[in-house]
Amino acid sequence: MATVNLTGASKEDAATVFGVLRAAFPTDRPSDDVPQEQAGDHSAVWSAEFEPARERILTDPIPLEGSVSATLQGGYVAVDQLFEALSTAFAVDHWGAASGDQEKEVDLRLSSKR
């Protein structure tokens, strides 16, 4: 399992990113679960867990309205597979990474491919 946290995005862009990952991998979220904005003046963080598998559905590039900050956290193989799936659909910029014995965390900025 790997966790994906999205910030700095509209609820529509968050739904788009999660939709790409949901099409590729099993998730802890039901298919009708979409990001919702909360009332108030604070930044939203949307999270979901995915179970990356060897066989996944590849996707064509998908447009986003803006950019999305994504943090991927989990086992090395799981994070790498999530990264691959995201990079087929979006332009991906690495912002940083931290590695441990069993897990790694990768910070990304996703945007539309040109």
N, C-alpha and C. Protein backbone atom coordinates (compact mmCIF):
# COMPACT_ATOMS: atom_id res chain seq x y z
N MET A 1 0.83 -1.17 0.00
CA MET A 1 0.00 0.00 0.00
C MET A 1 0.88 1.24 0.00
N ALA A 2 0.36 2.27 -0.63
CA ALA A 2 1.03 3.56 -0.63
C ALA A 2 -0.03 4.64 -0.47
N THR A 3 0.31 5.70 0.22
CA THR A 3 -0.60 6.80 0.45
C THR A 3 -0.28 7.94 -0.50
N VAL A 4 -1.32 8.55 -1.04
CA VAL A 4 -1.18 9.72 -1.90
C VAL A 4 -1.92 10.87 -1.23
N ASN A 5 -1.21 11.97 -0.98
CA ASN A 5 -1.80 13.18 -0.43
C ASN A 5 -1.70 14.27 -1.48
N LEU A 6 -2.81 14.95 -1.76
CA LEU A 6 -2.84 16.02 -2.74
C LEU A 6 -3.18 17.33 -2.05
N THR A 7 -2.46 18.40 -2.41
CA THR A 7 -2.71 19.74 -1.88
C THR A 7 -2.57 20.75 -3.01
N GLY A 8 -3.00 21.98 -2.73
CA GLY A 8 -2.82 23.06 -3.69
C GLY A 8 -3.57 22.86 -4.98
N ALA A 9 -4.69 22.15 -4.92
CA ALA A 9 -5.43 21.82 -6.14
C ALA A 9 -6.91 22.11 -5.94
N SER A 10 -7.59 22.30 -7.05
CA SER A 10 -9.04 22.37 -6.99
C SER A 10 -9.58 20.97 -6.74
N LYS A 11 -10.80 20.89 -6.26
CA LYS A 11 -11.38 19.56 -6.03
C LYS A 11 -11.51 18.80 -7.34
N GLU A 12 -11.69 19.52 -8.45
CA GLU A 12 -11.78 18.86 -9.76
C GLU A 12 -10.45 18.25 -10.18
N ASP A 13 -9.35 19.00 -9.96
CA ASP A 13 -8.03 18.45 -10.29
C ASP A 13 -7.67 17.29 -9.38
N ALA A 14 -8.02 17.39 -8.11
CA ALA A 14 -7.77 16.28 -7.19
C ALA A 14 -8.54 15.04 -7.65
N ALA A 15 -9.80 15.23 -8.06
CA ALA A 15 -10.60 14.11 -8.56
C ALA A 15 -9.98 13.52 -9.82
N THR A 16 -9.42 14.35 -10.69
CA THR A 16 -8.77 13.87 -11.91
C THR A 16 -7.56 13.00 -11.58
N VAL A 17 -6.72 13.47 -10.67
CA VAL A 17 -5.53 12.71 -10.29
C VAL A 17 -5.93 11.38 -9.65
N PHE A 18 -6.86 11.43 -8.71
CA PHE A 18 -7.31 10.19 -8.08
C PHE A 18 -7.98 9.26 -9.09
N GLY A 19 -8.67 9.83 -10.08
CA GLY A 19 -9.29 9.01 -11.12
C GLY A 19 -8.28 8.24 -11.93
N VAL A 20 -7.16 8.87 -12.25
CA VAL A 20 -6.09 8.19 -12.99
C VAL A 20 -5.55 7.03 -12.15
N LEU A 21 -5.29 7.30 -10.88
CA LEU A 21 -4.75 6.25 -10.01
C LEU A 21 -5.77 5.16 -9.75
N ARG A 22 -7.04 5.53 -9.59
CA ARG A 22 -8.10 4.55 -9.35
C ARG A 22 -8.27 3.62 -10.56
N ALA A 23 -8.08 4.16 -11.77
CA ALA A 23 -8.19 3.34 -12.98
C ALA A 23 -7.03 2.35 -13.08
N ALA A 24 -5.91 2.68 -12.45
CA ALA A 24 -4.72 1.85 -12.56
C ALA A 24 -4.55 0.87 -11.40
N PHE A 25 -5.03 1.23 -10.21
CA PHE A 25 -4.74 0.44 -9.02
C PHE A 25 -5.96 0.37 -8.09
N PRO A 26 -6.07 -0.72 -7.32
CA PRO A 26 -7.11 -0.78 -6.28
C PRO A 26 -6.86 0.29 -5.22
N THR A 27 -7.94 0.82 -4.63
CA THR A 27 -7.85 1.87 -3.64
C THR A 27 -8.75 1.58 -2.45
N ASP A 28 -8.52 2.32 -1.37
CA ASP A 28 -9.35 2.19 -0.17
C ASP A 28 -10.64 2.99 -0.28
N ARG A 29 -10.80 3.75 -1.36
CA ARG A 29 -11.96 4.63 -1.51
C ARG A 29 -12.98 4.00 -2.45
N PRO A 30 -14.28 4.16 -2.16
CA PRO A 30 -15.30 3.67 -3.09
C PRO A 30 -15.27 4.48 -4.39
N SER A 31 -15.77 3.91 -5.46
CA SER A 31 -15.69 4.55 -6.77
C SER A 31 -16.47 5.87 -6.84
N ASP A 32 -17.48 6.04 -5.99
CA ASP A 32 -18.25 7.29 -6.02
C ASP A 32 -17.72 8.34 -5.05
N ASP A 33 -16.59 8.06 -4.39
CA ASP A 33 -15.99 8.99 -3.44
C ASP A 33 -15.17 10.01 -4.22
N VAL A 34 -15.58 11.27 -4.16
CA VAL A 34 -14.86 12.34 -4.84
C VAL A 34 -14.45 13.40 -3.82
N PRO A 35 -13.36 14.10 -4.07
CA PRO A 35 -12.92 15.14 -3.14
C PRO A 35 -14.00 16.21 -2.95
N GLN A 36 -14.15 16.62 -1.71
CA GLN A 36 -15.11 17.67 -1.36
C GLN A 36 -14.35 18.80 -0.69
N GLU A 37 -14.77 20.03 -0.97
CA GLU A 37 -14.17 21.16 -0.28
C GLU A 37 -14.88 21.39 1.04
N GLN A 38 -14.13 21.80 2.04
CA GLN A 38 -14.68 22.08 3.36
C GLN A 38 -14.86 23.59 3.51
N ALA A 39 -15.86 23.98 4.25
CA ALA A 39 -16.09 25.39 4.52
C ALA A 39 -14.94 25.93 5.37
N GLY A 40 -14.63 27.18 5.20
CA GLY A 40 -13.57 27.80 5.98
C GLY A 40 -12.45 28.28 5.09
N ASP A 41 -11.49 28.89 5.74
CA ASP A 41 -10.37 29.49 5.01
C ASP A 41 -9.08 28.73 5.33
N HIS A 42 -9.01 27.49 4.85
CA HIS A 42 -7.81 26.69 5.06
C HIS A 42 -7.57 25.81 3.83
N SER A 43 -6.34 25.37 3.70
CA SER A 43 -5.98 24.55 2.54
C SER A 43 -6.53 23.13 2.71
N ALA A 44 -7.02 22.59 1.63
CA ALA A 44 -7.54 21.22 1.65
C ALA A 44 -6.41 20.24 1.35
N VAL A 45 -6.46 19.08 2.01
CA VAL A 45 -5.57 17.97 1.73
C VAL A 45 -6.46 16.77 1.46
N TRP A 46 -6.27 16.16 0.30
CA TRP A 46 -7.05 14.96 -0.04
C TRP A 46 -6.10 13.78 0.00
N SER A 47 -6.55 12.68 0.62
CA SER A 47 -5.70 11.49 0.77
C SER A 47 -6.44 10.24 0.33
N ALA A 48 -5.68 9.29 -0.18
CA ALA A 48 -6.21 7.97 -0.51
C ALA A 48 -5.05 6.99 -0.48
N GLU A 49 -5.37 5.73 -0.23
CA GLU A 49 -4.37 4.67 -0.28
C GLU A 49 -4.61 3.82 -1.52
N PHE A 50 -3.51 3.41 -2.14
CA PHE A 50 -3.58 2.59 -3.34
C PHE A 50 -2.70 1.37 -3.17
N GLU A 51 -3.10 0.28 -3.81
CA GLU A 51 -2.36 -0.97 -3.78
C GLU A 51 -1.79 -1.20 -5.18
N PRO A 52 -0.61 -0.63 -5.46
CA PRO A 52 -0.04 -0.82 -6.80
C PRO A 52 0.20 -2.29 -7.12
N ALA A 53 -0.03 -2.63 -8.36
CA ALA A 53 0.15 -3.99 -8.85
C ALA A 53 0.99 -3.93 -10.12
N ARG A 54 1.53 -5.06 -10.49
CA ARG A 54 2.36 -5.09 -11.69
C ARG A 54 1.58 -4.73 -12.94
N GLU A 55 0.39 -5.28 -13.07
CA GLU A 55 -0.41 -4.98 -14.26
C GLU A 55 -1.30 -3.79 -13.97
N ARG A 56 -1.19 -2.79 -14.82
CA ARG A 56 -2.01 -1.61 -14.64
C ARG A 56 -2.46 -1.09 -16.00
N ILE A 57 -3.46 -0.27 -15.97
CA ILE A 57 -3.99 0.31 -17.20
C ILE A 57 -3.25 1.61 -17.47
N LEU A 58 -2.62 1.70 -18.64
CA LEU A 58 -1.94 2.94 -19.02
C LEU A 58 -2.97 3.95 -19.50
N THR A 59 -2.67 5.20 -19.32
CA THR A 59 -3.59 6.25 -19.72
C THR A 59 -2.89 7.26 -20.62
N ASP A 60 -3.68 7.93 -21.41
CA ASP A 60 -3.16 9.02 -22.22
C ASP A 60 -2.99 10.25 -21.33
N PRO A 61 -2.26 11.28 -21.79
CA PRO A 61 -2.17 12.51 -21.01
C PRO A 61 -3.56 13.08 -20.74
N ILE A 62 -3.74 13.59 -19.53
CA ILE A 62 -5.01 14.14 -19.10
C ILE A 62 -4.78 15.57 -18.61
N PRO A 63 -5.58 16.53 -19.07
CA PRO A 63 -5.36 17.92 -18.67
C PRO A 63 -5.81 18.20 -17.23
N LEU A 64 -5.11 19.12 -16.60
CA LEU A 64 -5.47 19.65 -15.29
C LEU A 64 -5.73 21.15 -15.45
N GLU A 65 -6.61 21.70 -14.64
CA GLU A 65 -6.88 23.14 -14.68
C GLU A 65 -5.70 23.94 -14.15
N GLY A 66 -5.01 23.40 -13.17
CA GLY A 66 -3.86 24.05 -12.55
C GLY A 66 -2.81 23.01 -12.22
N SER A 67 -1.99 23.31 -11.24
CA SER A 67 -1.00 22.32 -10.81
C SER A 67 -1.46 21.72 -9.48
N VAL A 68 -0.93 20.54 -9.19
CA VAL A 68 -1.30 19.79 -8.00
C VAL A 68 -0.02 19.35 -7.30
N SER A 69 0.06 19.59 -6.01
CA SER A 69 1.17 19.06 -5.21
C SER A 69 0.77 17.68 -4.72
N ALA A 70 1.65 16.71 -4.91
CA ALA A 70 1.35 15.34 -4.51
C ALA A 70 2.51 14.79 -3.68
N THR A 71 2.16 14.11 -2.60
CA THR A 71 3.14 13.40 -1.80
C THR A 71 2.79 11.92 -1.85
N LEU A 72 3.74 11.12 -2.29
CA LEU A 72 3.57 9.67 -2.36
C LEU A 72 4.39 9.07 -1.23
N GLN A 73 3.79 8.20 -0.43
CA GLN A 73 4.50 7.62 0.69
C GLN A 73 4.15 6.14 0.81
N GLY A 74 5.18 5.31 0.92
CA GLY A 74 4.95 3.87 1.07
C GLY A 74 6.20 3.10 0.73
N GLY A 75 6.03 1.82 0.45
CA GLY A 75 7.16 0.97 0.07
C GLY A 75 7.78 1.45 -1.24
N TYR A 76 9.03 1.12 -1.42
CA TYR A 76 9.77 1.58 -2.60
C TYR A 76 9.07 1.19 -3.91
N VAL A 77 8.70 -0.05 -4.06
CA VAL A 77 8.08 -0.51 -5.30
C VAL A 77 6.73 0.17 -5.51
N ALA A 78 5.93 0.26 -4.46
CA ALA A 78 4.61 0.88 -4.57
C ALA A 78 4.72 2.34 -4.99
N VAL A 79 5.62 3.08 -4.37
CA VAL A 79 5.79 4.50 -4.72
C VAL A 79 6.28 4.64 -6.15
N ASP A 80 7.21 3.80 -6.56
CA ASP A 80 7.70 3.86 -7.94
C ASP A 80 6.58 3.58 -8.95
N GLN A 81 5.71 2.63 -8.65
CA GLN A 81 4.61 2.31 -9.57
C GLN A 81 3.59 3.45 -9.62
N LEU A 82 3.30 4.08 -8.50
CA LEU A 82 2.41 5.24 -8.51
C LEU A 82 3.02 6.37 -9.32
N PHE A 83 4.32 6.60 -9.14
CA PHE A 83 5.02 7.63 -9.89
C PHE A 83 4.92 7.37 -11.39
N GLU A 84 5.14 6.14 -11.81
CA GLU A 84 5.05 5.79 -13.23
C GLU A 84 3.65 6.07 -13.78
N ALA A 85 2.63 5.69 -13.04
CA ALA A 85 1.26 5.92 -13.49
C ALA A 85 0.97 7.41 -13.63
N LEU A 86 1.42 8.20 -12.66
CA LEU A 86 1.19 9.64 -12.72
C LEU A 86 1.95 10.27 -13.88
N SER A 87 3.17 9.80 -14.13
CA SER A 87 3.98 10.41 -15.19
C SER A 87 3.50 10.07 -16.59
N THR A 88 2.65 9.05 -16.74
CA THR A 88 2.07 8.80 -18.06
C THR A 88 0.93 9.77 -18.35
N ALA A 89 0.26 10.24 -17.30
CA ALA A 89 -0.91 11.11 -17.49
C ALA A 89 -0.58 12.60 -17.35
N PHE A 90 0.46 12.93 -16.58
CA PHE A 90 0.74 14.33 -16.25
C PHE A 90 2.22 14.65 -16.41
N ALA A 91 2.52 15.94 -16.55
CA ALA A 91 3.91 16.39 -16.44
C ALA A 91 4.25 16.35 -14.96
N VAL A 92 5.41 15.79 -14.61
CA VAL A 92 5.78 15.61 -13.21
C VAL A 92 7.12 16.28 -12.95
N ASP A 93 7.14 17.13 -11.93
CA ASP A 93 8.38 17.74 -11.45
C ASP A 93 8.66 17.20 -10.07
N HIS A 94 9.88 16.71 -9.85
CA HIS A 94 10.30 16.24 -8.52
C HIS A 94 10.60 17.45 -7.65
N TRP A 95 10.10 17.44 -6.45
CA TRP A 95 10.42 18.51 -5.50
C TRP A 95 11.33 18.02 -4.40
N GLY A 96 11.24 16.75 -4.10
CA GLY A 96 12.08 16.23 -3.03
C GLY A 96 11.74 14.79 -2.73
N ALA A 97 12.61 14.15 -1.97
CA ALA A 97 12.39 12.76 -1.59
C ALA A 97 13.11 12.48 -0.29
N ALA A 98 12.55 11.56 0.47
CA ALA A 98 13.18 11.08 1.70
C ALA A 98 13.05 9.56 1.70
N SER A 99 14.11 8.89 2.07
CA SER A 99 14.11 7.43 2.05
C SER A 99 14.45 6.88 3.43
N GLY A 100 13.82 5.75 3.74
CA GLY A 100 14.11 5.03 4.97
C GLY A 100 14.44 3.59 4.65
N ASP A 101 14.43 2.75 5.66
CA ASP A 101 14.74 1.33 5.45
C ASP A 101 13.68 0.63 4.61
N GLN A 102 12.42 0.88 4.91
CA GLN A 102 11.33 0.16 4.25
C GLN A 102 10.43 1.04 3.40
N GLU A 103 10.50 2.34 3.57
CA GLU A 103 9.59 3.26 2.88
C GLU A 103 10.34 4.43 2.29
N LYS A 104 9.65 5.07 1.36
CA LYS A 104 10.16 6.34 0.87
C LYS A 104 9.00 7.29 0.67
N GLU A 105 9.33 8.56 0.65
CA GLU A 105 8.35 9.62 0.43
C GLU A 105 8.87 10.49 -0.70
N VAL A 106 8.00 10.81 -1.65
CA VAL A 106 8.37 11.62 -2.80
C VAL A 106 7.38 12.76 -2.92
N ASP A 107 7.90 13.98 -3.03
CA ASP A 107 7.07 15.16 -3.24
C ASP A 107 7.15 15.57 -4.71
N LEU A 108 5.97 15.74 -5.32
CA LEU A 108 5.88 16.03 -6.75
C LEU A 108 4.99 17.24 -7.00
N ARG A 109 5.16 17.84 -8.17
CA ARG A 109 4.24 18.84 -8.68
C ARG A 109 3.72 18.29 -10.01
N LEU A 110 2.41 18.11 -10.11
CA LEU A 110 1.77 17.59 -11.33
C LEU A 110 1.12 18.73 -12.08
N SER A 111 1.23 18.68 -13.41
CA SER A 111 0.57 19.66 -14.27
C SER A 111 0.25 18.98 -15.60
N SER A 112 -0.45 19.68 -16.46
CA SER A 112 -0.80 19.13 -17.77
C SER A 112 0.44 18.99 -18.64
N LYS A 113 0.49 17.90 -19.40
CA LYS A 113 1.57 17.73 -20.37
C LYS A 113 1.32 18.68 -21.53
N ARG A 114 2.39 19.19 -22.10
CA ARG A 114 2.24 20.11 -23.24
C ARG A 114 2.58 19.42 -24.50
